[in-house]
């Protein structure tokens, strides 16, 4: 195991995130970093009948240099219903959707004021579902990069395709019409592979 990993807080993070945290006994979530738009902090990607779909949480207007921990969720539209219906449409026929459905659906019926609180509850549920036992520490101030931590904050972003990891294919719901889509949200793996998800993550290899 390596030294601590330093991460941002994500909304149902991509599979690569779980590969990276699996390399550490404990991780630090920098909740005091400035919020950055168009990142995994408030969006995730699933495989819908029409291809890869992006689902984004609307936020109350974020001013420049606002700490992530202070970012609030907007409820002008019923985005929770939209997100859950999209998840249901994409994964209802997957092998393990019904197994995990009762664990996740209540979180889409609960209102959270702050994005960090929703992300934290979902992350806890996902880690438990996968079977990961890892210590997650929240920062008390902005974390400067240092030799004691491996910093993943700039690596895990939708704007940068991860080239150094090899993601084995697994059977996805729409494999009869769509090519394999790698590194989607962890729920794609969880609903399709269930208890085998941890083995899949352990079988991801790095070119580095």
C-alpha atoms as a PDB file:
ATOM      1  CA  UNK A   1       0.000   0.000   0.000  1.00  0.00           C
ATOM      2  CA  UNK A   2       1.142   3.531  -0.821  1.00  0.00           C
ATOM      3  CA  UNK A   3       1.041   6.677   1.284  1.00  0.00           C
ATOM      4  CA  UNK A   4      -2.238   8.555   1.574  1.00  0.00           C
ATOM      5  CA  UNK A   5      -4.117   9.493  -1.583  1.00  0.00           C
ATOM      6  CA  UNK A   6      -5.497  13.004  -2.036  1.00  0.00           C
ATOM      7  CA  UNK A   7      -8.820  13.277  -3.878  1.00  0.00           C
ATOM      8  CA  UNK A   8     -11.690  15.613  -4.581  1.00  0.00           C
ATOM      9  CA  UNK A   9     -15.213  14.647  -3.554  1.00  0.00           C
ATOM     10  CA  UNK A  10     -17.180  13.062  -6.408  1.00  0.00           C
ATOM     11  CA  UNK A  11     -20.803  12.338  -7.272  1.00  0.00           C
ATOM     12  CA  UNK A  12     -20.843   8.549  -7.889  1.00  0.00           C
ATOM     13  CA  UNK A  13     -17.262   8.557  -9.108  1.00  0.00           C
ATOM     14  CA  UNK A  14     -15.879   6.766 -12.185  1.00  0.00           C
ATOM     15  CA  UNK A  15     -14.356   3.310 -11.886  1.00  0.00           C
ATOM     16  CA  UNK A  16     -10.807   4.728 -12.075  1.00  0.00           C
ATOM     17  CA  UNK A  17     -11.370   6.498  -8.755  1.00  0.00           C
ATOM     18  CA  UNK A  18     -11.909   3.157  -7.020  1.00  0.00           C
ATOM     19  CA  UNK A  19      -8.830   1.699  -8.686  1.00  0.00           C
ATOM     20  CA  UNK A  20      -6.769   4.554  -7.274  1.00  0.00           C
ATOM     21  CA  UNK A  21      -8.215   4.554  -3.757  1.00  0.00           C
ATOM     22  CA  UNK A  22      -7.628   0.791  -3.633  1.00  0.00           C
ATOM     23  CA  UNK A  23      -3.901   1.555  -3.704  1.00  0.00           C
ATOM     24  CA  UNK A  24      -4.116   3.312  -0.341  1.00  0.00           C
ATOM     25  CA  UNK A  25      -5.031   2.384   3.222  1.00  0.00           C
ATOM     26  CA  UNK A  26      -6.526   5.819   3.743  1.00  0.00           C
ATOM     27  CA  UNK A  27      -7.422   8.819   1.639  1.00  0.00           C
ATOM     28  CA  UNK A  28      -7.980  12.520   2.182  1.00  0.00           C
ATOM     29  CA  UNK A  29     -10.901  14.303   0.551  1.00  0.00           C
ATOM     30  CA  UNK A  30     -10.043  17.940  -0.002  1.00  0.00           C
ATOM     31  CA  UNK A  31     -13.377  19.584   0.742  1.00  0.00           C
ATOM     32  CA  UNK A  32     -11.686  22.974   1.079  1.00  0.00           C
ATOM     33  CA  UNK A  33     -10.448  23.183  -2.490  1.00  0.00           C
ATOM     34  CA  UNK A  34     -12.191  25.662  -4.776  1.00  0.00           C
ATOM     35  CA  UNK A  35     -15.138  24.224  -6.670  1.00  0.00           C
ATOM     36  CA  UNK A  36     -14.415  23.533 -10.345  1.00  0.00           C
ATOM     37  CA  UNK A  37     -17.238  23.306 -12.891  1.00  0.00           C
ATOM     38  CA  UNK A  38     -17.722  20.468 -15.383  1.00  0.00           C
ATOM     39  CA  UNK A  39     -16.053  17.845 -13.208  1.00  0.00           C
ATOM     40  CA  UNK A  40     -17.027  14.626 -11.438  1.00  0.00           C
ATOM     41  CA  UNK A  41     -17.784  16.689  -8.334  1.00  0.00           C
ATOM     42  CA  UNK A  42     -21.407  17.057  -9.415  1.00  0.00           C
ATOM     43  CA  UNK A  43     -21.763  14.787 -12.467  1.00  0.00           C
ATOM     44  CA  UNK A  44     -21.425  11.168 -13.480  1.00  0.00           C
ATOM     45  CA  UNK A  45     -21.737   9.054 -16.625  1.00  0.00           C
ATOM     46  CA  UNK A  46     -23.888   6.002 -17.266  1.00  0.00           C
ATOM     47  CA  UNK A  47     -24.645   3.884 -20.329  1.00  0.00           C
ATOM     48  CA  UNK A  48     -28.183   4.593 -21.531  1.00  0.00           C
ATOM     49  CA  UNK A  49     -30.033   2.955 -24.441  1.00  0.00           C
ATOM     50  CA  UNK A  50     -28.765   5.833 -26.612  1.00  0.00           C
ATOM     51  CA  UNK A  51     -25.152   5.713 -25.479  1.00  0.00           C
ATOM     52  CA  UNK A  52     -23.122   7.377 -22.739  1.00  0.00           C
ATOM     53  CA  UNK A  53     -25.261   9.828 -20.770  1.00  0.00           C
ATOM     54  CA  UNK A  54     -24.108  12.621 -18.483  1.00  0.00           C
ATOM     55  CA  UNK A  55     -26.197  13.398 -15.390  1.00  0.00           C
ATOM     56  CA  UNK A  56     -25.382  16.643 -13.584  1.00  0.00           C
ATOM     57  CA  UNK A  57     -26.597  18.057 -10.274  1.00  0.00           C
ATOM     58  CA  UNK A  58     -27.715  21.702 -10.666  1.00  0.00           C
ATOM     59  CA  UNK A  59     -26.137  24.041  -8.153  1.00  0.00           C
ATOM     60  CA  UNK A  60     -26.981  27.363  -6.615  1.00  0.00           C
ATOM     61  CA  UNK A  61     -24.800  29.860  -8.447  1.00  0.00           C
ATOM     62  CA  UNK A  62     -21.184  29.257  -7.514  1.00  0.00           C
ATOM     63  CA  UNK A  63     -19.040  32.351  -7.237  1.00  0.00           C
ATOM     64  CA  UNK A  64     -15.386  32.200  -8.137  1.00  0.00           C
ATOM     65  CA  UNK A  65     -13.099  30.578  -5.586  1.00  0.00           C
ATOM     66  CA  UNK A  66     -15.864  29.102  -3.469  1.00  0.00           C
ATOM     67  CA  UNK A  67     -14.739  26.191  -1.256  1.00  0.00           C
ATOM     68  CA  UNK A  68     -16.343  22.901  -2.282  1.00  0.00           C
ATOM     69  CA  UNK A  69     -17.743  22.314   1.204  1.00  0.00           C
ATOM     70  CA  UNK A  70     -19.893  25.457   0.836  1.00  0.00           C
ATOM     71  CA  UNK A  71     -21.467  24.556  -2.518  1.00  0.00           C
ATOM     72  CA  UNK A  72     -25.250  24.201  -2.289  1.00  0.00           C
ATOM     73  CA  UNK A  73     -27.580  22.095  -4.414  1.00  0.00           C
ATOM     74  CA  UNK A  74     -30.394  23.770  -6.397  1.00  0.00           C
ATOM     75  CA  UNK A  75     -33.877  22.254  -6.482  1.00  0.00           C
ATOM     76  CA  UNK A  76     -35.577  24.515  -9.041  1.00  0.00           C
ATOM     77  CA  UNK A  77     -36.158  21.390 -11.105  1.00  0.00           C
ATOM     78  CA  UNK A  78     -36.767  17.846  -9.901  1.00  0.00           C
ATOM     79  CA  UNK A  79     -33.321  16.637 -10.917  1.00  0.00           C
ATOM     80  CA  UNK A  80     -33.423  13.800  -8.365  1.00  0.00           C
ATOM     81  CA  UNK A  81     -36.404  12.231 -10.124  1.00  0.00           C
ATOM     82  CA  UNK A  82     -34.717  12.723 -13.502  1.00  0.00           C
ATOM     83  CA  UNK A  83     -31.471  11.110 -12.322  1.00  0.00           C
ATOM     84  CA  UNK A  84     -33.161   8.133 -10.696  1.00  0.00           C
ATOM     85  CA  UNK A  85     -35.462   7.530 -13.670  1.00  0.00           C
ATOM     86  CA  UNK A  86     -32.403   7.655 -15.959  1.00  0.00           C
ATOM     87  CA  UNK A  87     -30.577   5.154 -13.758  1.00  0.00           C
ATOM     88  CA  UNK A  88     -33.642   2.916 -13.648  1.00  0.00           C
ATOM     89  CA  UNK A  89     -34.091   3.069 -17.424  1.00  0.00           C
ATOM     90  CA  UNK A  90     -30.446   2.203 -17.980  1.00  0.00           C
ATOM     91  CA  UNK A  91     -30.067  -0.588 -15.403  1.00  0.00           C
ATOM     92  CA  UNK A  92     -33.468  -2.072 -14.561  1.00  0.00           C
ATOM     93  CA  UNK A  93     -32.591  -5.147 -16.648  1.00  0.00           C
ATOM     94  CA  UNK A  94     -29.040  -5.466 -15.307  1.00  0.00           C
ATOM     95  CA  UNK A  95     -28.259  -8.539 -13.157  1.00  0.00           C
ATOM     96  CA  UNK A  96     -27.850  -6.709  -9.832  1.00  0.00           C
ATOM     97  CA  UNK A  97     -30.042  -3.601 -10.053  1.00  0.00           C
ATOM     98  CA  UNK A  98     -32.783  -5.057  -7.869  1.00  0.00           C
ATOM     99  CA  UNK A  99     -30.181  -6.239  -5.374  1.00  0.00           C
ATOM    100  CA  UNK A 100     -28.945  -2.671  -4.756  1.00  0.00           C
ATOM    101  CA  UNK A 101     -32.056  -0.671  -5.639  1.00  0.00           C
ATOM    102  CA  UNK A 102     -33.332  -0.307  -2.086  1.00  0.00           C
ATOM    103  CA  UNK A 103     -29.927   0.925  -0.944  1.00  0.00           C
ATOM    104  CA  UNK A 104     -29.667   3.765  -3.451  1.00  0.00           C
ATOM    105  CA  UNK A 105     -33.195   4.931  -4.284  1.00  0.00           C
ATOM    106  CA  UNK A 106     -33.846   6.531  -0.849  1.00  0.00           C
ATOM    107  CA  UNK A 107     -30.884   8.866  -1.378  1.00  0.00           C
ATOM    108  CA  UNK A 108     -32.645  10.259  -4.459  1.00  0.00           C
ATOM    109  CA  UNK A 109     -35.709  11.043  -2.358  1.00  0.00           C
ATOM    110  CA  UNK A 110     -33.775  12.863   0.345  1.00  0.00           C
ATOM    111  CA  UNK A 111     -32.910  16.529   0.047  1.00  0.00           C
ATOM    112  CA  UNK A 112     -29.368  17.610   0.835  1.00  0.00           C
ATOM    113  CA  UNK A 113     -28.490  21.288   1.212  1.00  0.00           C
ATOM    114  CA  UNK A 114     -24.813  20.809   0.467  1.00  0.00           C
ATOM    115  CA  UNK A 115     -23.254  18.797  -2.351  1.00  0.00           C
ATOM    116  CA  UNK A 116     -20.576  17.426  -0.030  1.00  0.00           C
ATOM    117  CA  UNK A 117     -23.207  15.726   2.139  1.00  0.00           C
ATOM    118  CA  UNK A 118     -24.875  13.966  -0.793  1.00  0.00           C
ATOM    119  CA  UNK A 119     -21.517  12.874  -2.207  1.00  0.00           C
ATOM    120  CA  UNK A 120     -20.413  11.565   1.174  1.00  0.00           C
ATOM    121  CA  UNK A 121     -23.545   9.472   1.749  1.00  0.00           C
ATOM    122  CA  UNK A 122     -23.391   8.005  -1.741  1.00  0.00           C
ATOM    123  CA  UNK A 123     -19.685   7.251  -1.419  1.00  0.00           C
ATOM    124  CA  UNK A 124     -20.237   5.475   1.889  1.00  0.00           C
ATOM    125  CA  UNK A 125     -23.003   3.367   0.367  1.00  0.00           C
ATOM    126  CA  UNK A 126     -20.871   2.492  -2.663  1.00  0.00           C
ATOM    127  CA  UNK A 127     -17.801   1.553  -0.624  1.00  0.00           C
ATOM    128  CA  UNK A 128     -19.974  -0.688   1.532  1.00  0.00           C
ATOM    129  CA  UNK A 129     -21.580  -2.283  -1.539  1.00  0.00           C
ATOM    130  CA  UNK A 130     -18.223  -3.015  -3.169  1.00  0.00           C
ATOM    131  CA  UNK A 131     -16.702  -4.314   0.043  1.00  0.00           C
ATOM    132  CA  UNK A 132     -13.944  -1.717   0.371  1.00  0.00           C
ATOM    133  CA  UNK A 133     -12.678  -0.958   3.856  1.00  0.00           C
ATOM    134  CA  UNK A 134     -10.813   2.320   3.629  1.00  0.00           C
ATOM    135  CA  UNK A 135     -10.400   5.280   5.952  1.00  0.00           C
ATOM    136  CA  UNK A 136     -11.725   8.517   4.442  1.00  0.00           C
ATOM    137  CA  UNK A 137     -10.543  11.731   6.058  1.00  0.00           C
ATOM    138  CA  UNK A 138     -11.943  15.166   5.264  1.00  0.00           C
ATOM    139  CA  UNK A 139      -9.534  18.074   5.034  1.00  0.00           C
ATOM    140  CA  UNK A 140      -9.797  20.970   7.466  1.00  0.00           C
ATOM    141  CA  UNK A 141      -8.045  23.364   5.067  1.00  0.00           C
ATOM    142  CA  UNK A 142      -6.885  23.368   1.460  1.00  0.00           C
ATOM    143  CA  UNK A 143      -4.362  20.569   0.918  1.00  0.00           C
ATOM    144  CA  UNK A 144      -1.126  21.612  -0.692  1.00  0.00           C
ATOM    145  CA  UNK A 145       0.558  18.805  -2.667  1.00  0.00           C
ATOM    146  CA  UNK A 146       3.370  17.206  -0.675  1.00  0.00           C
ATOM    147  CA  UNK A 147       5.580  14.120  -0.629  1.00  0.00           C
ATOM    148  CA  UNK A 148       3.342  12.368   1.920  1.00  0.00           C
ATOM    149  CA  UNK A 149       0.343  12.131  -0.402  1.00  0.00           C
ATOM    150  CA  UNK A 150      -0.316  11.140  -4.011  1.00  0.00           C
ATOM    151  CA  UNK A 151      -2.460  13.867  -5.549  1.00  0.00           C
ATOM    152  CA  UNK A 152      -5.233  12.667  -7.893  1.00  0.00           C
ATOM    153  CA  UNK A 153      -7.304  15.850  -7.950  1.00  0.00           C
ATOM    154  CA  UNK A 154      -6.212  16.937 -11.429  1.00  0.00           C
ATOM    155  CA  UNK A 155      -6.109  13.404 -12.879  1.00  0.00           C
ATOM    156  CA  UNK A 156      -9.736  12.436 -12.337  1.00  0.00           C
ATOM    157  CA  UNK A 157     -11.647  14.777 -14.623  1.00  0.00           C
ATOM    158  CA  UNK A 158     -13.992  14.201 -17.575  1.00  0.00           C
ATOM    159  CA  UNK A 159     -11.795  16.544 -19.613  1.00  0.00           C
ATOM    160  CA  UNK A 160      -8.856  14.128 -19.518  1.00  0.00           C
ATOM    161  CA  UNK A 161      -9.182  10.555 -20.757  1.00  0.00           C
ATOM    162  CA  UNK A 162      -7.146   8.193 -18.624  1.00  0.00           C
ATOM    163  CA  UNK A 163      -4.657   6.579 -20.975  1.00  0.00           C
ATOM    164  CA  UNK A 164      -2.452   4.650 -18.562  1.00  0.00           C
ATOM    165  CA  UNK A 165      -5.112   2.243 -17.232  1.00  0.00           C
ATOM    166  CA  UNK A 166      -6.420  -0.867 -18.967  1.00  0.00           C
ATOM    167  CA  UNK A 167     -10.096  -1.512 -18.223  1.00  0.00           C
ATOM    168  CA  UNK A 168     -11.171  -5.115 -18.981  1.00  0.00           C
ATOM    169  CA  UNK A 169     -14.536  -5.337 -20.688  1.00  0.00           C
ATOM    170  CA  UNK A 170     -17.553  -6.726 -18.850  1.00  0.00           C
ATOM    171  CA  UNK A 171     -21.100  -7.398 -20.003  1.00  0.00           C
ATOM    172  CA  UNK A 172     -23.067  -4.149 -20.100  1.00  0.00           C
ATOM    173  CA  UNK A 173     -26.825  -3.893 -20.513  1.00  0.00           C
ATOM    174  CA  UNK A 174     -26.879  -2.682 -24.123  1.00  0.00           C
ATOM    175  CA  UNK A 175     -23.952  -4.728 -25.423  1.00  0.00           C
ATOM    176  CA  UNK A 176     -26.123  -5.986 -28.312  1.00  0.00           C
ATOM    177  CA  UNK A 177     -26.266  -2.488 -29.824  1.00  0.00           C
ATOM    178  CA  UNK A 178     -23.513  -0.422 -28.210  1.00  0.00           C
ATOM    179  CA  UNK A 179     -19.739  -0.916 -27.887  1.00  0.00           C
ATOM    180  CA  UNK A 180     -18.205  -1.396 -24.455  1.00  0.00           C
ATOM    181  CA  UNK A 181     -17.942   1.927 -22.605  1.00  0.00           C
ATOM    182  CA  UNK A 182     -15.067   2.008 -20.134  1.00  0.00           C
ATOM    183  CA  UNK A 183     -14.617   3.961 -16.916  1.00  0.00           C
ATOM    184  CA  UNK A 184     -18.230   4.934 -16.435  1.00  0.00           C
ATOM    185  CA  UNK A 185     -19.692   5.650 -13.005  1.00  0.00           C
ATOM    186  CA  UNK A 186     -19.043   2.899 -10.499  1.00  0.00           C
ATOM    187  CA  UNK A 187     -22.775   2.113 -10.519  1.00  0.00           C
ATOM    188  CA  UNK A 188     -22.446   0.761 -14.065  1.00  0.00           C
ATOM    189  CA  UNK A 189     -19.971  -1.795 -12.770  1.00  0.00           C
ATOM    190  CA  UNK A 190     -21.926  -2.451  -9.576  1.00  0.00           C
ATOM    191  CA  UNK A 191     -25.275  -3.069 -11.272  1.00  0.00           C
ATOM    192  CA  UNK A 192     -23.711  -5.286 -13.941  1.00  0.00           C
ATOM    193  CA  UNK A 193     -21.124  -7.180 -11.892  1.00  0.00           C
ATOM    194  CA  UNK A 194     -22.406  -6.987  -8.321  1.00  0.00           C
ATOM    195  CA  UNK A 195     -20.107  -8.790  -5.834  1.00  0.00           C
ATOM    196  CA  UNK A 196     -17.580  -9.305  -8.639  1.00  0.00           C
ATOM    197  CA  UNK A 197     -16.942  -5.556  -8.768  1.00  0.00           C
ATOM    198  CA  UNK A 198     -14.033  -5.740  -6.345  1.00  0.00           C
ATOM    199  CA  UNK A 199     -12.376  -8.461  -8.433  1.00  0.00           C
ATOM    200  CA  UNK A 200     -12.821  -6.340 -11.554  1.00  0.00           C
ATOM    201  CA  UNK A 201     -11.174  -3.348  -9.895  1.00  0.00           C
ATOM    202  CA  UNK A 202      -8.291  -5.548  -8.750  1.00  0.00           C
ATOM    203  CA  UNK A 203      -7.825  -6.712 -12.349  1.00  0.00           C
ATOM    204  CA  UNK A 204      -7.430  -3.214 -13.803  1.00  0.00           C
ATOM    205  CA  UNK A 205      -3.803  -2.819 -14.859  1.00  0.00           C
ATOM    206  CA  UNK A 206      -1.597   0.218 -15.346  1.00  0.00           C
ATOM    207  CA  UNK A 207       0.811   0.933 -18.185  1.00  0.00           C
ATOM    208  CA  UNK A 208       3.006   3.017 -15.911  1.00  0.00           C
END
